[in-house]
Amino acid sequence: MYVCLCTGVTDGQIRDAIYDGCCSYREVRQATGVASQCGKCACLAKQVVRETLTELQSSQPAIPYPVEFNVA
């Protein structure tokens, strides 16, 4: 679905930017150009970013403790 009509950014492009390493709305905005013109899409764009980051965080396995680090 189109999130930003001004720049033609879709929710899929926002998700892809996060999967490619963006960790915040600001980074997604810089990478995709979403909400860079009129700004009416900012709320929806932030929602997609928030949902995707939450989904990613909950799908990553936790690191078991204790973790051992070897110094070379």
Protein backbone atom coordinates (compact mmCIF):
# COMPACT_ATOMS: atom_id res chain seq x y z
CA MET A 1 0.00 0.00 0.00
CA TYR A 2 1.20 3.52 -0.70
CA VAL A 3 2.13 5.36 2.48
CA CYS A 4 3.47 8.51 0.79
CA LEU A 5 1.78 9.60 -2.41
CA CYS A 6 4.12 12.57 -2.91
CA THR A 7 7.21 10.40 -3.23
CA GLY A 8 5.56 7.07 -4.05
CA VAL A 9 6.83 5.20 -0.98
CA THR A 10 5.04 2.00 -0.02
CA ASP A 11 4.84 0.16 3.28
CA GLY A 12 6.96 -2.57 1.69
CA GLN A 13 9.73 -0.09 0.93
CA ILE A 14 9.64 1.12 4.54
CA ARG A 15 9.87 -2.46 5.80
CA ASP A 16 12.71 -3.21 3.37
CA ALA A 17 14.63 -0.17 4.64
CA ILE A 18 14.33 -1.54 8.18
CA TYR A 19 15.38 -5.03 7.08
CA ASP A 20 18.37 -3.39 5.38
CA GLY A 21 19.49 -1.80 8.64
CA CYS A 22 17.48 1.34 9.37
CA CYS A 23 16.72 1.45 13.10
CA SER A 24 14.54 4.56 13.43
CA TYR A 25 11.93 6.65 11.67
CA ARG A 26 14.59 9.27 10.94
CA GLU A 27 16.80 6.72 9.19
CA VAL A 28 13.84 5.34 7.21
CA ARG A 29 12.91 8.87 6.17
CA GLN A 30 16.46 9.55 4.95
CA ALA A 31 16.63 6.23 3.10
CA THR A 32 13.22 6.36 1.41
CA GLY A 33 12.22 10.01 1.27
CA VAL A 34 8.91 9.28 3.00
CA ALA A 35 7.25 12.37 4.53
CA SER A 36 9.81 14.67 2.96
CA GLN A 37 7.34 16.86 1.10
CA CYS A 38 3.90 17.66 2.51
CA GLY A 39 4.27 15.47 5.64
CA LYS A 40 0.67 14.21 5.73
CA CYS A 41 1.91 10.62 5.68
CA ALA A 42 4.23 10.97 8.69
CA CYS A 43 1.83 9.36 11.19
CA LEU A 44 1.22 6.32 9.00
CA ALA A 45 4.92 6.03 8.16
CA LYS A 46 5.83 6.13 11.86
CA GLN A 47 3.22 3.45 12.56
CA VAL A 48 4.69 1.14 9.90
CA VAL A 49 8.19 1.73 11.28
CA ARG A 50 7.05 1.07 14.86
CA GLU A 51 5.16 -2.12 13.92
CA THR A 52 8.04 -3.47 11.85
CA LEU A 53 10.68 -2.76 14.50
CA THR A 54 8.47 -4.40 17.15
CA GLU A 55 7.93 -7.42 14.90
CA LEU A 56 11.67 -7.75 14.28
CA GLN A 57 12.51 -7.40 17.95
CA SER A 58 10.03 -10.07 19.01
CA SER A 59 11.12 -12.51 16.28
CA GLN A 60 14.83 -12.47 17.16
CA PRO A 61 15.94 -15.15 19.59
CA ALA A 62 17.26 -14.08 22.94
CA ILE A 63 20.91 -14.68 23.71
CA PRO A 64 21.23 -17.40 26.34
CA TYR A 65 23.16 -16.46 29.46
CA PRO A 66 25.89 -16.76 30.49
CA VAL A 67 27.66 -15.64 27.38
CA GLU A 68 31.38 -16.31 27.28
CA PHE A 69 33.83 -14.06 25.49
CA ASN A 70 37.32 -15.26 24.68
CA VAL A 71 40.04 -12.67 24.48
CA ALA A 72 42.62 -13.49 21.84
